[in-house]
Amino acid sequence: MKQKLIIVGAGSVGKYIAYNQNIFQQEFEIIGFLDDDVSKHNTTIAGVPVLGNVNAINDYANQGFALVWGIAFPTIKNTLYELYKHLNFDYPSFIAKSAWLSNAVFLGKGCIIYPGCSINYETEIQDFVVMNMNCAVGHNCKIGSFTSLSPGVNLGGNTTIGNQVELGIGCATLQGISIGNNVKVGGQGMVTKSLASGQIVKGIPAK
């Protein structure tokens, strides 16, 4: 019997989960979306009903359900998690079958790993990380909770990424770079030196 699943967020990440149940290492019975966009309520998106606002999450707690945050934006996702973390949900990770995870990779709860991603050995990925299509993560990297990697991000070995970081499409780091919490790196940015928390950078080199 498949575990029942609630998807919070009926945008791009949530729709990806709904459309692609067959590509993950585990399948679920999707009950529906929760989304605060009232224009989506009482509609069907990706074959899945939108059941109401996010605060309806309380109606599905303590029933053995799984929940996935179908949200790419780190701050929003973290805020919602803090509001509802006291509720009793399972937070499985959604790993595409075509993704490659080396032996000796640690993956936290609630992560979403898209097709074509490669994660090398002794890398640690904390909770609720989204790694979009075709990202490459070198050996001995560390990626903090609620961080989002856009398609085509490339991290050199021994890169350390903080919590709630947003890495734009195709950006990259040299080996040994450290990026603090709440940093944003623009698309195609090349990070050649470590970045303190809260910085917003872009370009080659990113600054």
Protein backbone atom coordinates (compact mmCIF):
# COMPACT_ATOMS: atom_id res chain seq x y z
CA MET A 1 0.00 0.00 0.00
CA LYS A 2 1.38 3.41 -1.03
CA GLN A 3 1.79 6.09 1.60
CA LYS A 4 -0.48 9.11 1.13
CA LEU A 5 1.25 12.36 0.17
CA ILE A 6 0.39 16.06 0.49
CA ILE A 7 2.28 18.50 -1.77
CA VAL A 8 2.62 22.03 -0.39
CA GLY A 9 2.97 24.39 -3.34
CA ALA A 10 1.29 23.97 -6.72
CA GLY A 11 4.01 25.82 -8.63
CA SER A 12 6.91 24.50 -10.67
CA VAL A 13 8.48 22.21 -8.05
CA GLY A 14 5.15 20.84 -6.84
CA LYS A 15 4.02 20.15 -10.39
CA TYR A 16 7.29 18.36 -11.07
CA ILE A 17 6.54 15.99 -8.18
CA ALA A 18 2.96 15.43 -9.33
CA TYR A 19 3.78 14.79 -12.98
CA ASN A 20 6.69 12.45 -12.35
CA GLN A 21 5.74 9.89 -9.71
CA ASN A 22 7.19 7.12 -11.88
CA ILE A 23 10.75 8.50 -11.91
CA PHE A 24 11.35 8.46 -8.17
CA GLN A 25 12.77 5.67 -6.08
CA GLN A 26 9.52 5.53 -4.07
CA GLU A 27 5.93 6.08 -5.22
CA PHE A 28 3.10 7.65 -3.21
CA GLU A 29 -0.65 8.15 -3.41
CA ILE A 30 -0.93 11.90 -3.93
CA ILE A 31 -3.93 13.30 -2.06
CA GLY A 32 -3.61 16.86 -3.31
CA PHE A 33 -1.88 20.24 -3.32
CA LEU A 34 -2.09 22.95 -0.68
CA ASP A 35 -1.42 26.46 -1.98
CA ASP A 36 -2.25 29.98 -0.78
CA ASP A 37 -3.05 31.19 -4.31
CA VAL A 38 -6.86 31.23 -4.15
CA SER A 39 -7.11 31.22 -7.95
CA LYS A 40 -5.84 27.63 -7.86
CA HIS A 41 -8.36 26.40 -5.29
CA ASN A 42 -10.94 23.87 -6.50
CA THR A 43 -8.92 23.27 -9.67
CA THR A 44 -6.88 20.30 -10.83
CA ILE A 45 -3.20 20.81 -11.61
CA ALA A 46 -1.04 18.04 -13.10
CA GLY A 47 -3.96 15.69 -12.47
CA VAL A 48 -3.99 16.52 -8.75
CA PRO A 49 -6.69 18.54 -6.92
CA VAL A 50 -5.81 21.76 -5.11
CA LEU A 51 -7.43 21.27 -1.71
CA GLY A 52 -7.05 24.74 -0.21
CA ASN A 53 -4.71 27.04 1.69
CA VAL A 54 -1.48 25.88 3.27
CA ASN A 55 -3.00 26.19 6.75
CA ALA A 56 -5.23 23.23 5.87
CA ILE A 57 -2.11 21.17 6.54
CA ASN A 58 -3.47 20.81 10.07
CA ASP A 59 -6.35 18.68 8.72
CA TYR A 60 -3.93 16.00 7.48
CA ALA A 61 -1.59 15.75 10.47
CA ASN A 62 -1.26 12.65 12.65
CA GLN A 63 -2.62 10.33 9.95
CA GLY A 64 0.65 8.79 8.80
CA PHE A 65 0.84 11.02 5.71
CA ALA A 66 4.00 12.11 3.94
CA LEU A 67 4.51 15.76 3.04
CA VAL A 68 6.77 17.45 0.51
CA TRP A 69 7.53 21.16 0.30
CA GLY A 70 7.08 21.74 -3.44
CA ILE A 71 8.67 25.18 -3.14
CA ALA A 72 12.00 26.36 -4.55
CA PHE A 73 12.30 29.59 -2.55
CA PRO A 74 14.42 28.88 0.53
CA THR A 75 13.06 31.58 2.86
CA ILE A 76 9.41 30.75 2.19
CA LYS A 77 10.04 27.05 2.61
CA ASN A 78 11.92 27.52 5.86
CA THR A 79 9.24 29.83 7.25
CA LEU A 80 6.47 27.34 6.51
CA TYR A 81 8.45 24.47 7.97
CA GLU A 82 8.96 26.37 11.22
CA LEU A 83 5.22 27.05 11.43
CA TYR A 84 4.21 23.43 10.96
CA LYS A 85 7.16 21.35 12.13
CA HIS A 86 5.29 20.35 15.29
CA LEU A 87 2.84 18.34 13.18
CA ASN A 88 3.41 14.64 12.65
CA PHE A 89 4.37 14.16 9.00
CA ASP A 90 6.96 12.05 7.26
CA TYR A 91 9.33 14.05 5.03
CA PRO A 92 10.68 11.66 2.39
CA SER A 93 13.28 12.69 -0.15
CA PHE A 94 12.40 12.52 -3.85
CA ILE A 95 15.40 11.22 -5.76
CA ALA A 96 15.14 10.72 -9.50
CA LYS A 97 16.21 7.24 -10.56
CA SER A 98 18.57 8.79 -13.12
CA ALA A 99 20.44 10.83 -10.51
CA TRP A 100 23.82 9.45 -9.42
CA LEU A 101 24.73 9.51 -5.76
CA SER A 102 28.12 8.06 -4.91
CA ASN A 103 28.63 5.78 -1.98
CA ALA A 104 29.34 7.74 1.22
CA VAL A 105 26.90 10.55 0.43
CA PHE A 106 24.68 11.80 3.29
CA LEU A 107 21.22 13.06 2.29
CA GLY A 108 18.87 14.66 4.81
CA LYS A 109 15.09 14.53 4.88
CA GLY A 110 12.76 16.21 2.43
CA CYS A 111 15.27 16.75 -0.37
CA ILE A 112 14.33 16.85 -4.07
CA ILE A 113 17.02 15.63 -6.46
CA TYR A 114 16.11 16.06 -10.15
CA PRO A 115 17.21 13.88 -13.08
CA GLY A 116 20.79 14.16 -14.30
CA CYS A 117 22.27 15.27 -10.99
CA SER A 118 25.61 13.81 -9.89
CA ILE A 119 26.79 13.93 -6.28
CA ASN A 120 30.28 12.69 -5.49
CA TYR A 121 31.57 10.90 -2.39
CA GLU A 122 31.64 12.21 1.19
CA THR A 123 29.24 15.03 0.36
CA GLU A 124 26.69 16.04 3.01
CA ILE A 125 23.33 17.45 1.92
CA GLN A 126 21.14 18.65 4.77
CA ASP A 127 17.33 18.80 4.99
CA PHE A 128 14.96 20.19 2.35
CA VAL A 129 17.52 20.94 -0.34
CA VAL A 130 16.27 21.23 -3.93
CA MET A 131 18.77 20.27 -6.63
CA ASN A 132 17.35 20.94 -10.08
CA MET A 133 18.27 19.23 -13.34
CA ASN A 134 21.86 18.35 -14.25
CA CYS A 135 23.67 19.72 -11.21
CA ALA A 136 27.15 18.36 -10.48
CA VAL A 137 28.42 18.34 -6.91
CA GLY A 138 32.05 17.47 -6.27
CA HIS A 139 33.49 15.34 -3.50
CA ASN A 140 33.44 16.44 0.15
CA CYS A 141 30.94 19.24 -0.37
CA LYS A 142 28.50 20.42 2.30
CA ILE A 143 25.11 21.93 1.43
CA GLY A 144 22.97 23.48 4.18
CA SER A 145 19.26 23.11 4.80
CA PHE A 146 16.63 24.77 2.58
CA THR A 147 19.18 25.65 -0.10
CA SER A 148 18.15 25.56 -3.77
CA LEU A 149 20.39 24.76 -6.73
CA SER A 150 19.01 25.80 -10.12
CA PRO A 151 19.61 23.68 -13.24
CA GLY A 152 23.23 23.15 -14.23
CA VAL A 153 24.95 24.30 -11.04
CA ASN A 154 28.50 22.95 -10.68
CA LEU A 155 30.23 22.83 -7.30
CA GLY A 156 33.94 22.14 -7.08
CA GLY A 157 35.13 19.66 -4.48
CA ASN A 158 35.21 20.78 -0.83
CA THR A 159 32.68 23.54 -1.41
CA THR A 160 30.65 24.49 1.67
CA ILE A 161 27.21 26.06 1.16
CA GLY A 162 25.18 27.51 4.05
CA ASN A 163 21.46 27.43 4.78
CA GLN A 164 18.80 29.07 2.59
CA VAL A 165 21.19 29.79 -0.28
CA GLU A 166 19.92 30.34 -3.85
CA LEU A 167 22.29 29.36 -6.66
CA GLY A 168 21.15 30.55 -10.10
CA ILE A 169 21.12 28.62 -13.36
CA GLY A 170 24.55 27.42 -14.43
CA CYS A 171 26.57 29.04 -11.67
CA ALA A 172 29.74 27.37 -10.39
CA THR A 173 32.33 27.42 -7.62
CA LEU A 174 36.04 26.79 -7.49
CA GLN A 175 37.21 24.05 -5.14
CA GLY A 176 37.31 24.88 -1.46
CA ILE A 177 34.91 27.84 -1.63
CA SER A 178 32.71 28.65 1.38
CA ILE A 179 29.33 30.38 0.92
CA GLY A 180 27.47 31.68 3.98
CA ASN A 181 23.77 31.58 4.83
CA ASN A 182 21.11 33.41 2.78
CA VAL A 183 23.44 34.13 -0.14
CA LYS A 184 22.11 34.56 -3.69
CA VAL A 185 24.31 33.88 -6.71
CA GLY A 186 23.01 34.98 -10.12
CA GLY A 187 22.77 32.71 -13.12
CA GLN A 188 26.10 31.78 -14.76
CA GLY A 189 27.98 33.37 -11.87
CA MET A 190 31.46 32.00 -11.13
CA VAL A 191 32.27 32.07 -7.43
CA THR A 192 36.05 32.33 -7.09
CA LYS A 193 36.28 33.47 -3.46
CA SER A 194 34.33 32.72 -0.30
CA LEU A 195 31.16 34.74 0.38
CA ALA A 196 29.89 35.98 3.73
CA SER A 197 26.27 35.43 4.76
CA GLY A 198 23.63 37.63 3.14
CA GLN A 199 25.57 38.61 0.02
CA ILE A 200 23.97 38.88 -3.42
CA VAL A 201 26.46 38.39 -6.24
CA LYS A 202 26.59 37.78 -9.97
CA GLY A 203 29.01 37.69 -12.89
CA ILE A 204 32.44 36.26 -13.64
CA PRO A 205 33.94 36.41 -11.14
CA ALA A 206 30.85 36.72 -8.96
CA LYS A 207 30.81 39.93 -6.93
